[in-house]
Amino acid sequence: MERIYLDNAATTQLDPEVIEAMLPYMHEIYGNPSAVHAFGRKARAGIEQARRMVAKLLHCAPGEIVFTSCGTEADNMAILGAVRDLGVKHVITSPIEHHAVEHVAQELERTKEAEVHWIRLTPEGKADLAHLEELLKAHEHVLVSLMHANNELGSRNDLMAIGSLCRKYNALFHTDTVQTMGHYRFDLEQLPIDFLTCSAHKFHGPKGVGFLYMRNGAVVHPLIVGGAQERNMRAGTENIIGIVALAKAMEVAYRDLDAHHAHIQALKDRMRAKVLKAVPGSTINGDPSPDSLYTVLNFHFPDDGKGEMLIYNMDIEGIACSGGSACSSGSNKGSHVIEALYPGRTGANIRFSFSKFNTEAEVDRAVEVLERVMAPAAVKV
């Protein structure tokens, strides 16, 4: 049976060019980057070259990039560091953030380390900028933490508008770009962003590596202590294979970004039109406009008793898709994102997410399977 992967918001397959870049660091360049001998110096050079590549693509200084194990660690480091080391007393965030942000905010509420304010959302799942300005006017010593694009809905926030409001009211701005890094260009000389987080496996790099951008190398204490690695910002021997691969994945993504954007957008548009026609009553969750994240498409289907097993039935037919965030798909809880935007609504939700490796034929096959799985049962006479 042909298997089709349409869950790229959860993770992506490694690009062959990335695998090629990793191989020397598996076979030949195996020294500890902290060692002073030639083996260590060669490994250290690979890390610093990767840091310079990331900084060049983002238009920032190499010293503003700290490599981490993932986006979750980077989010934790930014938010907790801002509260504990930079005098932040108020955190403004949204109820549809990834758990890497939402759960940190909830923990800060629990410990009373900071007061958390939950921003209102537009019907499309974007931050309500009028409410954001109200909150910024009312409080001082603020960190705003809002993701660039939602991982379940694809609804995309305006980073320039949010950052400009933060600058106006002397607030810090952190954005989780895990879903958008490698899919959009970021000019951090122009964007008013203080902290930005990323994870390589969302743009055809490996799992287990990400980074935190901190404007001007903002002085926060490390979450992980026990060594002087990453310029004293993150202890532990560096994941050199992952770091080199992350930089290569970003280089490839930026090089081919425009062509891949056009290809993936066409796939999304094709699936949207076909599903809305094939499945009566189906609608789009989140922002239906072209401004939404072009790699993510989330549908809602009426409650006809088929929703509970929809993802499993699609998988049986060879189609890999999702009901929401991969980080919570192993639980029985519904999506906190869907509940926040559509409280109390019944029915089934399904997320398809695309990459440069997907094809029109795969989209057509997935729609065919979905139509069959969702078809009304034959009436027995």
Protein backbone atom coordinates (compact mmCIF):
# COMPACT_ATOMS: atom_id res chain seq x y z
CA MET A 1 0.00 0.00 0.00
CA GLU A 2 1.26 3.45 -0.90
CA ARG A 3 1.78 5.53 2.23
CA ILE A 4 1.43 9.30 2.03
CA TYR A 5 2.88 11.66 4.63
CA LEU A 6 0.82 14.80 5.22
CA ASP A 7 1.86 15.57 8.80
CA ASN A 8 4.78 17.89 8.15
CA ALA A 9 3.78 20.30 10.93
CA ALA A 10 4.68 17.49 13.33
CA THR A 11 8.04 16.76 11.71
CA THR A 12 9.63 16.65 8.28
CA GLN A 13 11.86 14.16 6.53
CA LEU A 14 15.55 14.94 6.29
CA ASP A 15 16.67 16.65 3.13
CA PRO A 16 19.35 14.59 1.28
CA GLU A 17 21.67 17.62 1.28
CA VAL A 18 21.34 17.80 5.07
CA ILE A 19 22.22 14.13 5.45
CA GLU A 20 25.28 14.70 3.28
CA ALA A 21 26.39 17.59 5.49
CA MET A 22 26.00 15.45 8.63
CA LEU A 23 28.10 12.50 7.45
CA PRO A 24 31.60 13.96 8.00
CA TYR A 25 30.66 14.77 11.60
CA MET A 26 29.64 11.16 12.12
CA HIS A 27 32.75 9.58 10.61
CA GLU A 28 35.69 11.98 10.74
CA ILE A 29 35.06 15.13 12.77
CA TYR A 30 34.22 13.47 16.08
CA GLY A 31 36.29 15.49 18.52
CA ASN A 32 34.81 17.22 21.56
CA PRO A 33 34.40 20.90 20.61
CA SER A 34 35.70 21.96 24.03
CA ALA A 35 39.02 20.16 23.56
CA VAL A 36 42.09 22.25 22.65
CA HIS A 37 43.70 19.70 20.32
CA ALA A 38 43.20 19.56 16.55
CA PHE A 39 40.26 17.15 16.74
CA GLY A 40 38.40 19.49 19.07
CA ARG A 41 39.29 22.61 17.12
CA LYS A 42 37.93 21.11 13.92
CA ALA A 43 34.65 20.25 15.65
CA ARG A 44 34.46 23.74 17.17
CA ALA A 45 34.98 25.26 13.73
CA GLY A 46 31.94 23.35 12.44
CA ILE A 47 29.75 24.77 15.20
CA GLU A 48 30.92 28.35 14.70
CA GLN A 49 30.54 28.10 10.95
CA ALA A 50 26.95 26.91 11.50
CA ARG A 51 26.32 29.81 13.89
CA ARG A 52 27.60 32.28 11.33
CA MET A 53 25.37 30.76 8.63
CA VAL A 54 22.24 31.06 10.81
CA ALA A 55 23.16 34.63 11.77
CA LYS A 56 23.76 35.58 8.13
CA LEU A 57 20.37 34.24 7.04
CA LEU A 58 18.58 36.04 9.89
CA HIS A 59 20.58 39.29 9.64
CA CYS A 60 21.81 39.18 13.22
CA ALA A 61 25.12 38.76 15.04
CA PRO A 62 26.50 35.23 15.61
CA GLY A 63 26.72 35.98 19.33
CA GLU A 64 22.93 36.39 19.43
CA ILE A 65 22.36 32.69 18.52
CA VAL A 66 22.37 29.99 21.22
CA PHE A 67 21.93 26.41 20.04
CA THR A 68 19.51 24.29 22.08
CA SER A 69 18.04 20.79 21.99
CA CYS A 70 14.70 21.94 20.54
CA GLY A 71 12.17 24.75 20.29
CA THR A 72 10.63 23.84 23.63
CA GLU A 73 13.90 24.37 25.47
CA ALA A 74 14.45 27.64 23.64
CA ASP A 75 10.95 28.89 24.56
CA ASN A 76 11.52 27.98 28.21
CA MET A 77 14.90 29.69 28.24
CA ALA A 78 13.51 32.91 26.76
CA ILE A 79 10.42 33.24 28.95
CA LEU A 80 11.90 32.06 32.24
CA GLY A 81 15.07 34.06 31.63
CA ALA A 82 13.10 37.24 30.94
CA VAL A 83 11.13 36.84 34.17
CA ARG A 84 13.96 35.73 36.43
CA ASP A 85 16.81 37.83 35.06
CA LEU A 86 15.41 40.81 33.13
CA GLY A 87 12.85 42.15 35.61
CA VAL A 88 9.70 41.03 33.78
CA LYS A 89 6.64 41.12 36.06
CA HIS A 90 3.88 40.61 33.48
CA VAL A 91 3.66 38.07 30.65
CA ILE A 92 1.15 38.59 27.83
CA THR A 93 0.42 35.53 25.75
CA SER A 94 -2.48 33.77 24.02
CA PRO A 95 -4.57 30.71 24.88
CA ILE A 96 -3.56 28.98 21.61
CA GLU A 97 0.20 29.00 22.05
CA HIS A 98 2.15 25.76 21.85
CA HIS A 99 2.36 24.03 25.24
CA ALA A 100 6.06 25.00 25.33
CA VAL A 101 4.82 28.54 25.97
CA GLU A 102 1.38 27.96 27.49
CA HIS A 103 2.60 25.59 30.19
CA VAL A 104 5.49 27.90 31.12
CA ALA A 105 2.99 30.75 31.52
CA GLN A 106 0.77 28.56 33.67
CA GLU A 107 3.76 27.62 35.84
CA LEU A 108 4.64 31.29 36.31
CA GLU A 109 1.04 31.90 37.38
CA ARG A 110 1.22 29.01 39.83
CA THR A 111 4.49 30.17 41.40
CA LYS A 112 3.41 33.83 41.27
CA GLU A 113 6.74 34.76 39.65
CA ALA A 114 4.81 36.84 37.12
CA GLU A 115 1.25 37.88 36.39
CA VAL A 116 -0.01 36.33 33.16
CA HIS A 117 -2.49 38.06 30.87
CA TRP A 118 -4.28 36.03 28.18
CA ILE A 119 -4.88 38.08 25.08
CA ARG A 120 -8.14 37.93 23.14
CA LEU A 121 -8.16 36.34 19.70
CA THR A 122 -9.76 37.37 16.44
CA PRO A 123 -12.22 34.86 14.89
CA GLU A 124 -9.35 33.69 12.63
CA GLY A 125 -7.09 32.85 15.59
CA LYS A 126 -4.80 35.89 15.45
CA ALA A 127 -3.81 38.07 18.39
CA ASP A 128 -6.23 40.97 18.93
CA LEU A 129 -3.85 43.93 18.60
CA ALA A 130 -6.29 46.39 20.18
CA HIS A 131 -6.44 44.21 23.29
CA LEU A 132 -2.66 43.85 23.23
CA GLU A 133 -2.28 47.62 23.31
CA GLU A 134 -4.77 47.87 26.19
CA LEU A 135 -2.68 45.40 28.19
CA LEU A 136 0.60 47.10 27.32
CA LYS A 137 -0.79 50.48 28.40
CA ALA A 138 -1.92 49.06 31.72
CA HIS A 139 1.31 47.31 32.79
CA GLU A 140 5.06 47.81 33.00
CA HIS A 141 7.95 45.34 32.91
CA VAL A 142 6.20 43.20 30.29
CA LEU A 143 7.18 40.27 28.08
CA VAL A 144 4.86 39.55 25.14
CA SER A 145 5.09 35.94 23.92
CA LEU A 146 3.11 35.26 20.72
CA MET A 147 3.87 32.65 18.08
CA HIS A 148 4.36 33.64 14.46
CA ALA A 149 1.94 31.00 13.12
CA ASN A 150 -0.21 28.54 15.01
CA ASN A 151 0.92 24.94 14.63
CA GLU A 152 -2.63 23.56 14.40
CA LEU A 153 -4.52 26.26 12.50
CA GLY A 154 -1.87 28.04 10.47
CA SER A 155 -3.20 31.45 11.58
CA ARG A 156 -0.28 33.89 11.29
CA ASN A 157 0.43 36.93 13.45
CA ASP A 158 1.96 40.18 12.17
CA LEU A 159 5.37 40.24 13.87
CA MET A 160 6.16 43.79 12.79
CA ALA A 161 2.89 45.14 14.20
CA ILE A 162 3.25 43.27 17.48
CA GLY A 163 6.91 44.16 17.87
CA SER A 164 6.24 47.82 17.11
CA LEU A 165 3.62 47.94 19.89
CA CYS A 166 6.10 46.32 22.24
CA ARG A 167 8.73 48.92 21.40
CA LYS A 168 6.17 51.73 21.88
CA TYR A 169 5.46 50.54 25.44
CA ASN A 170 9.00 49.36 26.33
CA ALA A 171 8.00 45.69 26.45
CA LEU A 172 10.11 42.69 25.43
CA PHE A 173 8.84 40.53 22.57
CA HIS A 174 9.36 36.78 22.23
CA THR A 175 8.03 34.84 19.25
CA ASP A 176 7.97 31.10 18.62
CA THR A 177 8.79 30.63 14.92
CA VAL A 178 9.02 26.84 15.03
CA GLN A 179 6.36 26.45 12.31
CA THR A 180 7.59 29.29 10.09
CA MET A 181 11.38 29.18 10.19
CA GLY A 182 12.61 27.90 6.84
CA HIS A 183 9.29 28.87 5.25
CA TYR A 184 9.52 32.67 5.52
CA ARG A 185 12.43 35.11 5.55
CA PHE A 186 13.28 36.94 8.78
CA ASP A 187 15.32 40.13 8.88
CA LEU A 188 16.13 40.65 12.54
CA GLU A 189 17.80 43.98 11.81
CA GLN A 190 14.35 45.28 10.88
CA LEU A 191 11.93 43.17 12.95
CA PRO A 192 11.49 44.48 16.52
CA ILE A 193 11.94 41.07 18.16
CA ASP A 194 13.96 40.37 21.33
CA PHE A 195 13.71 36.57 21.48
CA LEU A 196 13.01 34.11 18.65
CA THR A 197 12.93 30.32 18.80
CA CYS A 198 13.35 27.58 16.21
CA SER A 199 13.53 23.78 15.80
CA ALA A 200 15.38 22.16 12.89
CA HIS A 201 13.07 19.20 12.33
CA LYS A 202 10.27 21.43 11.04
CA PHE A 203 12.27 22.41 7.92
CA HIS A 204 13.94 19.13 6.92
CA GLY A 205 16.67 19.13 9.56
CA PRO A 206 17.11 16.54 12.33
CA LYS A 207 15.22 16.22 15.61
CA GLY A 208 16.97 17.23 18.79
CA VAL A 209 18.39 20.62 17.82
CA GLY A 210 17.08 24.19 17.70
CA PHE A 211 18.19 27.66 18.67
CA LEU A 212 17.27 30.75 20.64
CA TYR A 213 17.96 34.20 19.21
CA MET A 214 18.49 36.85 21.89
CA ARG A 215 18.86 40.44 20.72
CA ASN A 216 22.20 41.88 21.83
CA GLY A 217 22.91 38.60 23.62
CA ALA A 218 20.43 39.51 26.36
CA VAL A 219 21.96 38.45 29.66
CA VAL A 220 19.84 35.66 31.09
CA HIS A 221 21.06 32.80 33.23
CA PRO A 222 21.22 29.38 31.57
CA LEU A 223 18.54 26.78 32.25
CA ILE A 224 21.15 24.01 32.09
CA VAL A 225 24.31 24.50 34.16
CA GLY A 226 27.47 22.46 34.52
CA GLY A 227 29.76 23.74 31.78
CA ALA A 228 30.82 26.76 29.75
CA GLN A 229 29.47 25.62 26.39
CA GLU A 230 27.51 27.99 24.13
CA ARG A 231 29.38 30.95 25.60
CA ASN A 232 28.22 30.01 29.11
CA MET A 233 24.56 30.04 28.02
CA ARG A 234 23.91 26.27 27.84
CA ALA A 235 26.00 23.62 29.57
CA GLY A 236 26.61 20.23 27.99
CA THR A 237 28.67 18.92 25.09
CA GLU A 238 27.22 20.39 21.92
CA ASN A 239 25.18 18.31 19.49
CA ILE A 240 27.61 19.11 16.70
CA ILE A 241 25.97 16.80 14.13
CA GLY A 242 22.59 18.41 14.75
CA ILE A 243 23.95 21.97 14.78
CA VAL A 244 25.73 21.55 11.45
CA ALA A 245 22.59 19.94 10.01
CA LEU A 246 20.34 22.76 11.26
CA ALA A 247 22.48 25.35 9.51
CA LYS A 248 22.52 23.32 6.28
CA ALA A 249 18.74 22.83 6.43
CA MET A 250 18.28 26.60 6.82
CA GLU A 251 20.68 27.30 3.96
CA VAL A 252 18.78 24.94 1.64
CA ALA A 253 15.39 26.24 2.78
CA TYR A 254 16.33 29.87 2.13
CA ARG A 255 17.95 29.06 -1.20
CA ASP A 256 14.79 27.38 -2.54
CA LEU A 257 12.18 29.20 -0.47
CA ASP A 258 10.27 31.00 -3.21
CA ALA A 259 9.89 27.93 -5.43
CA HIS A 260 8.85 25.73 -2.53
CA HIS A 261 6.39 28.33 -1.24
CA ALA A 262 4.66 28.39 -4.62
CA HIS A 263 4.61 24.58 -4.87
CA ILE A 264 3.25 24.00 -1.36
CA GLN A 265 0.69 26.80 -1.59
CA ALA A 266 -0.66 25.17 -4.76
CA LEU A 267 -1.00 21.84 -2.93
CA LYS A 268 -2.84 23.50 -0.05
CA ASP A 269 -5.20 25.34 -2.40
CA ARG A 270 -5.87 22.11 -4.32
CA MET A 271 -6.72 20.13 -1.20
CA ARG A 272 -8.87 22.88 0.23
CA ALA A 273 -11.02 23.14 -2.89
CA LYS A 274 -11.36 19.38 -3.29
CA VAL A 275 -12.22 18.62 0.35
CA LEU A 276 -14.81 21.41 0.66
CA LYS A 277 -16.48 20.01 -2.46
CA ALA A 278 -16.17 16.34 -1.52
CA VAL A 279 -17.30 16.45 2.13
CA PRO A 280 -20.64 18.26 2.73
CA GLY A 281 -20.60 20.62 5.70
CA SER A 282 -16.80 20.80 5.91
CA THR A 283 -15.25 24.16 6.86
CA ILE A 284 -11.79 25.61 7.46
CA ASN A 285 -10.50 26.05 11.02
CA GLY A 286 -8.55 29.23 11.62
CA ASP A 287 -7.69 31.77 8.96
CA PRO A 288 -9.03 30.79 5.52
CA SER A 289 -7.21 33.65 3.76
CA PRO A 290 -4.00 33.38 1.70
CA ASP A 291 -2.21 35.14 4.57
CA SER A 292 -2.28 31.96 6.67
CA LEU A 293 0.71 29.61 6.94
CA TYR A 294 0.93 27.87 3.58
CA THR A 295 2.09 24.53 4.98
CA VAL A 296 -0.95 23.93 7.24
CA LEU A 297 -4.62 23.25 6.44
CA ASN A 298 -7.11 22.36 9.17
CA PHE A 299 -10.67 21.16 8.47
CA HIS A 300 -13.75 20.79 10.64
CA PHE A 301 -16.40 18.19 9.80
CA PRO A 302 -19.92 17.93 11.24
CA ASP A 303 -20.54 15.54 14.10
CA ASP A 304 -21.81 12.43 12.34
CA GLY A 305 -20.23 9.78 14.55
CA LYS A 306 -17.20 9.26 12.30
CA GLY A 307 -14.92 11.85 13.86
CA GLU A 308 -13.58 9.80 16.76
CA MET A 309 -11.87 7.30 14.48
CA LEU A 310 -11.12 9.61 11.55
CA ILE A 311 -7.34 9.88 12.01
CA TYR A 312 -7.02 6.12 12.60
CA ASN A 313 -9.12 5.27 9.57
CA MET A 314 -7.01 7.59 7.42
CA ASP A 315 -3.88 5.88 8.71
CA ILE A 316 -5.31 2.43 7.92
CA GLU A 317 -5.73 3.69 4.35
CA GLY A 318 -2.11 4.87 4.27
CA ILE A 319 -2.60 8.60 4.88
CA ALA A 320 -0.60 10.18 7.72
CA CYS A 321 -2.31 13.29 9.08
CA SER A 322 -3.18 14.72 12.48
CA GLY A 323 -5.95 15.95 14.71
CA GLY A 324 -3.76 18.70 16.12
CA SER A 325 -0.37 19.12 17.76
CA ALA A 326 1.92 16.09 17.61
CA CYS A 327 3.13 16.94 21.12
CA SER A 328 -0.28 16.07 22.58
CA SER A 329 -1.58 13.52 20.08
CA GLY A 330 -0.79 10.66 22.45
CA SER A 331 -3.28 11.96 25.01
CA ASN A 332 -7.04 11.69 25.06
CA LYS A 333 -7.48 15.41 25.55
CA GLY A 334 -8.99 17.48 22.79
CA SER A 335 -7.10 20.34 21.20
CA HIS A 336 -6.74 23.36 23.50
CA VAL A 337 -6.39 25.45 20.34
CA ILE A 338 -9.71 24.35 18.85
CA GLU A 339 -11.46 24.68 22.22
CA ALA A 340 -10.14 28.23 22.68
CA LEU A 341 -11.29 29.36 19.26
CA TYR A 342 -14.50 27.29 18.99
CA PRO A 343 -15.60 26.55 22.58
CA GLY A 344 -18.06 23.68 22.97
CA ARG A 345 -18.24 22.89 19.28
CA THR A 346 -18.73 19.25 18.34
CA GLY A 347 -17.49 17.40 15.29
CA ALA A 348 -14.16 16.22 13.94
CA ASN A 349 -11.03 18.22 13.14
CA ILE A 350 -8.18 17.10 10.91
CA ARG A 351 -4.90 18.79 10.04
CA PHE A 352 -3.05 18.20 6.81
CA SER A 353 0.40 19.76 6.56
CA PHE A 354 2.58 19.80 3.47
CA SER A 355 6.22 19.92 2.45
CA LYS A 356 8.28 20.35 -0.70
CA PHE A 357 8.33 16.57 -1.08
CA ASN A 358 4.55 16.22 -1.46
CA THR A 359 2.84 16.00 -4.86
CA GLU A 360 -0.52 16.74 -6.45
CA ALA A 361 -1.08 12.99 -6.85
CA GLU A 362 -0.68 12.52 -3.10
CA VAL A 363 -3.18 15.28 -2.39
CA ASP A 364 -5.69 13.74 -4.80
CA ARG A 365 -5.24 10.32 -3.21
CA ALA A 366 -5.71 11.75 0.30
CA VAL A 367 -8.93 13.50 -0.71
CA GLU A 368 -10.21 10.31 -2.30
CA VAL A 369 -9.56 8.39 0.91
CA LEU A 370 -11.10 11.12 3.08
CA GLU A 371 -14.23 11.21 0.95
CA ARG A 372 -14.61 7.44 1.27
CA VAL A 373 -13.95 7.41 5.02
CA MET A 374 -16.45 10.22 5.62
CA ALA A 375 -19.13 8.87 3.24
CA PRO A 376 -22.49 8.05 4.86
CA ALA A 377 -23.01 4.36 5.53
CA ALA A 378 -25.25 2.57 3.05
CA VAL A 379 -28.83 2.26 4.24
CA LYS A 380 -29.90 -1.35 4.66
CA VAL A 381 -33.38 -2.26 3.34
